[in-house]
PDB file of N, CA and C in Angstrom:
ATOM      1  N   MET A   1     121.245  70.328 109.717  1.00  0.00           N
ATOM      2  CA  MET A   1     120.766  71.195 108.664  1.00  0.00           C
ATOM      3  C   MET A   1     121.903  71.397 107.657  1.00  0.00           C
ATOM      4  N   ALA A   2     121.570  71.382 106.381  1.00  0.00           N
ATOM      5  CA  ALA A   2     122.574  71.554 105.333  1.00  0.00           C
ATOM      6  C   ALA A   2     122.197  72.721 104.426  1.00  0.00           C
ATOM      7  N   LEU A   3     123.190  73.468 103.976  1.00  0.00           N
ATOM      8  CA  LEU A   3     122.938  74.561 103.040  1.00  0.00           C
ATOM      9  C   LEU A   3     122.477  73.998 101.703  1.00  0.00           C
ATOM     10  N   GLN A   4     121.485  74.643 101.118  1.00  0.00           N
ATOM     11  CA  GLN A   4     120.948  74.233  99.829  1.00  0.00           C
ATOM     12  C   GLN A   4     120.684  75.476  98.987  1.00  0.00           C
ATOM     13  N   THR A   5     120.868  75.363  97.689  1.00  0.00           N
ATOM     14  CA  THR A   5     120.428  76.447  96.818  1.00  0.00           C
ATOM     15  C   THR A   5     118.903  76.390  96.765  1.00  0.00           C
ATOM     16  N   ILE A   6     118.259  77.554  96.633  1.00  0.00           N
ATOM     17  CA  ILE A   6     116.798  77.577  96.741  1.00  0.00           C
ATOM     18  C   ILE A   6     116.084  78.109  95.508  1.00  0.00           C
ATOM     19  N   GLY A   7     116.801  78.309  94.417  1.00  0.00           N
ATOM     20  CA  GLY A   7     116.168  78.828  93.207  1.00  0.00           C
ATOM     21  C   GLY A   7     114.997  77.975  92.742  1.00  0.00           C
ATOM     22  N   GLN A   8     115.194  76.685  92.660  1.00  0.00           N
ATOM     23  CA  GLN A   8     114.126  75.788  92.210  1.00  0.00           C
ATOM     24  C   GLN A   8     112.979  75.761  93.219  1.00  0.00           C
ATOM     25  N   LEU A   9     113.295  75.824  94.501  1.00  0.00           N
ATOM     26  CA  LEU A   9     112.255  75.864  95.528  1.00  0.00           C
ATOM     27  C   LEU A   9     111.392  77.102  95.378  1.00  0.00           C
ATOM     28  N   ILE A  10     112.030  78.255  95.145  1.00  0.00           N
ATOM     29  CA  ILE A  10     111.284  79.506  94.943  1.00  0.00           C
ATOM     30  C   ILE A  10     110.389  79.376  93.713  1.00  0.00           C
ATOM     31  N   ASP A  11     110.899  78.785  92.641  1.00  0.00           N
ATOM     32  CA  ASP A  11     110.096  78.554  91.437  1.00  0.00           C
ATOM     33  C   ASP A  11     108.903  77.662  91.745  1.00  0.00           C
ATOM     34  N   THR A  12     109.135  76.591  92.505  1.00  0.00           N
ATOM     35  CA  THR A  12     108.073  75.649  92.855  1.00  0.00           C
ATOM     36  C   THR A  12     106.964  76.320  93.665  1.00  0.00           C
ATOM     37  N   LEU A  13     107.346  77.281  94.507  1.00  0.00           N
ATOM     38  CA  LEU A  13     106.359  78.003  95.318  1.00  0.00           C
ATOM     39  C   LEU A  13     105.594  79.048  94.512  1.00  0.00           C
ATOM     40  N   GLY A  14     105.993  79.259  93.259  1.00  0.00           N
ATOM     41  CA  GLY A  14     105.278  80.189  92.386  1.00  0.00           C
ATOM     42  C   GLY A  14     105.613  81.649  92.627  1.00  0.00           C
ATOM     43  N   VAL A  15     106.788  81.929  93.162  1.00  0.00           N
ATOM     44  CA  VAL A  15     107.190  83.306  93.433  1.00  0.00           C
ATOM     45  C   VAL A  15     107.531  84.002  92.115  1.00  0.00           C
ATOM     46  N   GLU A  16     106.960  85.199  91.923  1.00  0.00           N
ATOM     47  CA  GLU A  16     107.217  85.994  90.727  1.00  0.00           C
ATOM     48  C   GLU A  16     107.527  87.426  91.137  1.00  0.00           C
ATOM     49  N   ALA A  17     108.246  88.135  90.303  1.00  0.00           N
ATOM     50  CA  ALA A  17     108.546  89.545  90.542  1.00  0.00           C
ATOM     51  C   ALA A  17     108.134  90.347  89.310  1.00  0.00           C
ATOM     52  N   ASP A  18     107.648  91.556  89.529  1.00  0.00           N
ATOM     53  CA  ASP A  18     107.238  92.444  88.444  1.00  0.00           C
ATOM     54  C   ASP A  18     108.453  93.245  87.991  1.00  0.00           C
ATOM     55  N   LEU A  19     109.106  92.788  86.929  1.00  0.00           N
ATOM     56  CA  LEU A  19     110.312  93.433  86.420  1.00  0.00           C
ATOM     57  C   LEU A  19     110.071  93.955  85.016  1.00  0.00           C
ATOM     58  N   ASP A  20     110.628  95.104  84.723  1.00  0.00           N
ATOM     59  CA  ASP A  20     110.569  95.664  83.377  1.00  0.00           C
ATOM     60  C   ASP A  20     111.766  95.170  82.574  1.00  0.00           C
ATOM     61  N   GLU A  21     111.629  95.205  81.248  1.00  0.00           N
ATOM     62  CA  GLU A  21     112.740  94.822  80.387  1.00  0.00           C
ATOM     63  C   GLU A  21     113.926  95.730  80.696  1.00  0.00           C
ATOM     64  N   GLY A  22     115.087  95.137  80.855  1.00  0.00           N
ATOM     65  CA  GLY A  22     116.280  95.896  81.164  1.00  0.00           C
ATOM     66  C   GLY A  22     116.574  96.017  82.647  1.00  0.00           C
ATOM     67  N   ASP A  23     115.599  95.673  83.516  1.00  0.00           N
ATOM     68  CA  ASP A  23     115.854  95.689  84.959  1.00  0.00           C
ATOM     69  C   ASP A  23     116.901  94.632  85.284  1.00  0.00           C
ATOM     70  N   MET A  24     117.804  94.942  86.203  1.00  0.00           N
ATOM     71  CA  MET A  24     118.855  94.004  86.563  1.00  0.00           C
ATOM     72  C   MET A  24     118.846  93.780  88.078  1.00  0.00           C
ATOM     73  N   PRO A  25     118.231  92.694  88.538  1.00  0.00           N
ATOM     74  CA  PRO A  25     118.279  92.392  89.972  1.00  0.00           C
ATOM     75  C   PRO A  25     119.736  92.211  90.414  1.00  0.00           C
ATOM     76  N   THR A  26     120.082  92.797  91.553  1.00  0.00           N
ATOM     77  CA  THR A  26     121.465  92.721  92.031  1.00  0.00           C
ATOM     78  C   THR A  26     121.605  91.971  93.345  1.00  0.00           C
ATOM     79  N   ASP A  27     120.566  91.957  94.161  1.00  0.00           N
ATOM     80  CA  ASP A  27     120.632  91.305  95.468  1.00  0.00           C
ATOM     81  C   ASP A  27     119.281  90.693  95.792  1.00  0.00           C
ATOM     82  N   ALA A  28     119.315  89.710  96.685  1.00  0.00           N
ATOM     83  CA  ALA A  28     118.068  89.090  97.141  1.00  0.00           C
ATOM     84  C   ALA A  28     118.188  88.728  98.611  1.00  0.00           C
ATOM     85  N   PHE A  29     117.113  88.946  99.334  1.00  0.00           N
ATOM     86  CA  PHE A  29     116.980  88.506 100.719  1.00  0.00           C
ATOM     87  C   PHE A  29     115.652  87.780 100.780  1.00  0.00           C
ATOM     88  N   VAL A  30     115.671  86.519 101.158  1.00  0.00           N
ATOM     89  CA  VAL A  30     114.488  85.674 101.115  1.00  0.00           C
ATOM     90  C   VAL A  30     114.154  85.208 102.531  1.00  0.00           C
ATOM     91  N   ILE A  31     112.881  85.301 102.908  1.00  0.00           N
ATOM     92  CA  ILE A  31     112.410  84.790 104.185  1.00  0.00           C
ATOM     93  C   ILE A  31     111.498  83.607 103.880  1.00  0.00           C
ATOM     94  N   LEU A  32     111.819  82.462 104.454  1.00  0.00           N
ATOM     95  CA  LEU A  32     111.048  81.243 104.210  1.00  0.00           C
ATOM     96  C   LEU A  32     110.363  80.790 105.488  1.00  0.00           C
ATOM     97  N   LYS A  33     109.092  80.445 105.388  1.00  0.00           N
ATOM     98  CA  LYS A  33     108.381  79.797 106.492  1.00  0.00           C
ATOM     99  C   LYS A  33     108.576  78.306 106.305  1.00  0.00           C
ATOM    100  N   ILE A  34     109.066  77.647 107.323  1.00  0.00           N
ATOM    101  CA  ILE A  34     109.382  76.229 107.263  1.00  0.00           C
ATOM    102  C   ILE A  34     108.512  75.458 108.250  1.00  0.00           C
ATOM    103  N   VAL A  35     107.905  74.377 107.803  1.00  0.00           N
ATOM    104  CA  VAL A  35     107.226  73.444 108.700  1.00  0.00           C
ATOM    105  C   VAL A  35     108.126  72.222 108.798  1.00  0.00           C
ATOM    106  N   LYS A  36     108.655  71.989 109.974  1.00  0.00           N
ATOM    107  CA  LYS A  36     109.590  70.892 110.191  1.00  0.00           C
ATOM    108  C   LYS A  36     108.843  69.558 110.264  1.00  0.00           C
ATOM    109  N   ALA A  37     109.581  68.465 110.191  1.00  0.00           N
ATOM    110  CA  ALA A  37     108.994  67.121 110.210  1.00  0.00           C
ATOM    111  C   ALA A  37     108.162  66.875 111.461  1.00  0.00           C
ATOM    112  N   ASP A  38     108.538  67.506 112.589  1.00  0.00           N
ATOM    113  CA  ASP A  38     107.785  67.303 113.834  1.00  0.00           C
ATOM    114  C   ASP A  38     106.592  68.249 113.963  1.00  0.00           C
ATOM    115  N   GLY A  39     106.348  69.068 112.922  1.00  0.00           N
ATOM    116  CA  GLY A  39     105.200  69.964 112.918  1.00  0.00           C
ATOM    117  C   GLY A  39     105.483  71.363 113.421  1.00  0.00           C
ATOM    118  N   THR A  40     106.652  71.603 113.977  1.00  0.00           N
ATOM    119  CA  THR A  40     106.970  72.957 114.435  1.00  0.00           C
ATOM    120  C   THR A  40     107.204  73.872 113.229  1.00  0.00           C
ATOM    121  N   VAL A  41     106.911  75.142 113.428  1.00  0.00           N
ATOM    122  CA  VAL A  41     107.037  76.137 112.362  1.00  0.00           C
ATOM    123  C   VAL A  41     108.151  77.107 112.739  1.00  0.00           C
ATOM    124  N   SER A  42     108.966  77.454 111.767  1.00  0.00           N
ATOM    125  CA  SER A  42     110.028  78.424 112.012  1.00  0.00           C
ATOM    126  C   SER A  42     110.264  79.263 110.759  1.00  0.00           C
ATOM    127  N   LEU A  43     111.068  80.290 110.919  1.00  0.00           N
ATOM    128  CA  LEU A  43     111.470  81.127 109.800  1.00  0.00           C
ATOM    129  C   LEU A  43     112.957  80.922 109.536  1.00  0.00           C
ATOM    130  N   VAL A  44     113.300  80.924 108.269  1.00  0.00           N
ATOM    131  CA  VAL A  44     114.686  80.794 107.840  1.00  0.00           C
ATOM    132  C   VAL A  44     114.927  81.902 106.825  1.00  0.00           C
ATOM    133  N   ASN A  45     116.123  82.487 106.841  1.00  0.00           N
ATOM    134  CA  ASN A  45     116.416  83.498 105.831  1.00  0.00           C
ATOM    135  C   ASN A  45     117.595  83.060 104.986  1.00  0.00           C
ATOM    136  N   ALA A  46     117.614  83.583 103.777  1.00  0.00           N
ATOM    137  CA  ALA A  46     118.707  83.328 102.844  1.00  0.00           C
ATOM    138  C   ALA A  46     118.991  84.631 102.116  1.00  0.00           C
ATOM    139  N   ARG A  47     120.214  84.771 101.652  1.00  0.00           N
ATOM    140  CA  ARG A  47     120.569  86.009 100.956  1.00  0.00           C
ATOM    141  C   ARG A  47     121.564  85.711  99.850  1.00  0.00           C
ATOM    142  N   SER A  48     121.596  86.615  98.897  1.00  0.00           N
ATOM    143  CA  SER A  48     122.552  86.470  97.806  1.00  0.00           C
ATOM    144  C   SER A  48     123.961  86.720  98.328  1.00  0.00           C
ATOM    145  N   GLU A  49     124.910  86.081  97.668  1.00  0.00           N
ATOM    146  CA  GLU A  49     126.309  86.218  98.056  1.00  0.00           C
ATOM    147  C   GLU A  49     126.735  87.677  97.934  1.00  0.00           C
ATOM    148  N   GLY A  50     127.420  88.161  98.926  1.00  0.00           N
ATOM    149  CA  GLY A  50     127.910  89.533  98.888  1.00  0.00           C
ATOM    150  C   GLY A  50     126.931  90.575  99.416  1.00  0.00           C
ATOM    151  N   LEU A  51     125.736  90.174  99.820  1.00  0.00           N
ATOM    152  CA  LEU A  51     124.762  91.129 100.360  1.00  0.00           C
ATOM    153  C   LEU A  51     125.186  91.510 101.775  1.00  0.00           C
ATOM    154  N   ASP A  52     125.539  92.784 101.975  1.00  0.00           N
ATOM    155  CA  ASP A  52     126.020  93.222 103.282  1.00  0.00           C
ATOM    156  C   ASP A  52     124.856  93.477 104.238  1.00  0.00           C
ATOM    157  N   TRP A  53     125.166  93.546 105.518  1.00  0.00           N
ATOM    158  CA  TRP A  53     124.127  93.649 106.543  1.00  0.00           C
ATOM    159  C   TRP A  53     123.346  94.949 106.448  1.00  0.00           C
ATOM    160  N   ILE A  54     123.977  96.040 106.085  1.00  0.00           N
ATOM    161  CA  ILE A  54     123.276  97.321 106.033  1.00  0.00           C
ATOM    162  C   ILE A  54     122.269  97.351 104.884  1.00  0.00           C
ATOM    163  N   THR A  55     122.636  96.790 103.735  1.00  0.00           N
ATOM    164  CA  THR A  55     121.710  96.707 102.610  1.00  0.00           C
ATOM    165  C   THR A  55     120.571  95.751 102.945  1.00  0.00           C
ATOM    166  N   ARG A  56     120.909  94.633 103.585  1.00  0.00           N
ATOM    167  CA  ARG A  56     119.890  93.660 103.991  1.00  0.00           C
ATOM    168  C   ARG A  56     118.886  94.305 104.944  1.00  0.00           C
ATOM    169  N   LEU A  57     119.370  95.055 105.929  1.00  0.00           N
ATOM    170  CA  LEU A  57     118.479  95.742 106.870  1.00  0.00           C
ATOM    171  C   LEU A  57     117.603  96.753 106.143  1.00  0.00           C
ATOM    172  N   GLY A  58     118.188  97.497 105.212  1.00  0.00           N
ATOM    173  CA  GLY A  58     117.407  98.456 104.433  1.00  0.00           C
ATOM    174  C   GLY A  58     116.338  97.784 103.594  1.00  0.00           C
ATOM    175  N   MET A  59     116.676  96.643 102.982  1.00  0.00           N
ATOM    176  CA  MET A  59     115.699  95.916 102.162  1.00  0.00           C
ATOM    177  C   MET A  59     114.535  95.410 103.012  1.00  0.00           C
ATOM    178  N   VAL A  60     114.847  94.861 104.189  1.00  0.00           N
ATOM    179  CA  VAL A  60     113.800  94.339 105.077  1.00  0.00           C
ATOM    180  C   VAL A  60     112.929  95.480 105.592  1.00  0.00           C
ATOM    181  N   THR A  61     113.531  96.600 105.956  1.00  0.00           N
ATOM    182  CA  THR A  61     112.780  97.752 106.454  1.00  0.00           C
ATOM    183  C   THR A  61     111.862  98.315 105.370  1.00  0.00           C
ATOM    184  N   ALA A  62     112.387  98.443 104.152  1.00  0.00           N
ATOM    185  CA  ALA A  62     111.566  98.937 103.044  1.00  0.00           C
ATOM    186  C   ALA A  62     110.434  97.971 102.722  1.00  0.00           C
ATOM    187  N   ALA A  63     110.725  96.671 102.731  1.00  0.00           N
ATOM    188  CA  ALA A  63     109.683  95.672 102.452  1.00  0.00           C
ATOM    189  C   ALA A  63     108.578  95.737 103.500  1.00  0.00           C
ATOM    190  N   GLN A  64     108.954  95.929 104.762  1.00  0.00           N
ATOM    191  CA  GLN A  64     107.954  96.034 105.821  1.00  0.00           C
ATOM    192  C   GLN A  64     107.081  97.267 105.612  1.00  0.00           C
ATOM    193  N   ALA A  65     107.681  98.385 105.252  1.00  0.00           N
ATOM    194  CA  ALA A  65     106.912  99.604 105.005  1.00  0.00           C
ATOM    195  C   ALA A  65     105.950  99.414 103.835  1.00  0.00           C
ATOM    196  N   ILE A  66     106.418  98.757 102.785  1.00  0.00           N
ATOM    197  CA  ILE A  66     105.563  98.502 101.623  1.00  0.00           C
ATOM    198  C   ILE A  66     104.400  97.601 102.004  1.00  0.00           C
ATOM    199  N   GLU A  67     104.674  96.523 102.725  1.00  0.00           N
ATOM    200  CA  GLU A  67     103.615  95.595 103.140  1.00  0.00           C
ATOM    201  C   GLU A  67     102.615  96.259 104.075  1.00  0.00           C
ATOM    202  N   ASN A  68     103.084  97.135 104.957  1.00  0.00           N
ATOM    203  CA  ASN A  68     102.205  97.767 105.943  1.00  0.00           C
ATOM    204  C   ASN A  68     101.379  98.906 105.382  1.00  0.00           C
ATOM    205  N   SER A  69     101.870  99.582 104.336  1.00  0.00           N
ATOM    206  CA  SER A  69     101.181 100.789 103.886  1.00  0.00           C
ATOM    207  C   SER A  69     100.623 100.712 102.477  1.00  0.00           C
ATOM    208  N   GLY A  70     100.888  99.658 101.753  1.00  0.00           N
ATOM    209  CA  GLY A  70     100.433  99.603 100.379  1.00  0.00           C
ATOM    210  C   GLY A  70     101.151 100.632  99.533  1.00  0.00           C
ATOM    211  N   TYR A  71     102.440 100.799  99.756  1.00  0.00           N
ATOM    212  CA  TYR A  71     103.285 101.780  99.060  1.00  0.00           C
ATOM    213  C   TYR A  71     103.010 101.758  97.556  1.00  0.00           C
ATOM    214  N   ALA A  72     102.904 102.936  96.991  1.00  0.00           N
ATOM    215  CA  ALA A  72     102.780 103.079  95.529  1.00  0.00           C
ATOM    216  C   ALA A  72     103.822 104.102  95.095  1.00  0.00           C
ATOM    217  N   GLU A  73     104.427 103.861  93.952  1.00  0.00           N
ATOM    218  CA  GLU A  73     105.435 104.776  93.433  1.00  0.00           C
ATOM    219  C   GLU A  73     104.815 106.141  93.179  1.00  0.00           C
ATOM    220  N   ALA A  74     105.550 107.188  93.499  1.00  0.00           N
ATOM    221  CA  ALA A  74     105.065 108.556  93.306  1.00  0.00           C
ATOM    222  C   ALA A  74     104.869 108.835  91.816  1.00  0.00           C
ATOM    223  N   SER A  75     103.931 109.698  91.509  1.00  0.00           N
ATOM    224  CA  SER A  75     103.669 110.089  90.123  1.00  0.00           C
ATOM    225  C   SER A  75     104.881 110.795  89.550  1.00  0.00           C
ATOM    226  N   THR A  76     105.120 110.585  88.262  1.00  0.00           N
ATOM    227  CA  THR A  76     106.244 111.233  87.605  1.00  0.00           C
ATOM    228  C   THR A  76     105.793 112.356  86.681  1.00  0.00           C
ATOM    229  N   ASP A  77     104.552 112.850  86.865  1.00  0.00           N
ATOM    230  CA  ASP A  77     104.043 113.948  86.045  1.00  0.00           C
ATOM    231  C   ASP A  77     104.867 115.206  86.276  1.00  0.00           C
ATOM    232  N   ASP A  78     105.139 115.954  85.221  1.00  0.00           N
ATOM    233  CA  ASP A  78     105.926 117.187  85.312  1.00  0.00           C
ATOM    234  C   ASP A  78     105.042 118.429  85.191  1.00  0.00           C
ATOM    235  N   ASP A  79     103.847 118.414  85.714  1.00  0.00           N
ATOM    236  CA  ASP A  79     102.916 119.540  85.593  1.00  0.00           C
ATOM    237  C   ASP A  79     103.329 120.706  86.418  1.00  0.00           C
TER     238      ASP A  79
END
C-alpha cells in the first residue's frame, strides 16, 4: 500500500460541502470505503496534516451524532 493524495479522488466521488463565503476549513478527517481487487471491503481513513487525535476524535463523535439524530443548528432568534 502506498500513500496517495486524495483531493482528486474526493472530487471524482462528487463530495461537496455546504460552506458560506468567508468560511475557512482548517482540518479534515476522511473515511473511505474501499473495495479491494479481490473483492474484500474495508475502511481506510485519512486526515489533514497536523490534525491531532483529540480533535479527530471530537470530529468523528460530532459527525456520528449528526448522522444519527439529524442535527440542526439552533435558532438564533433573540425574542
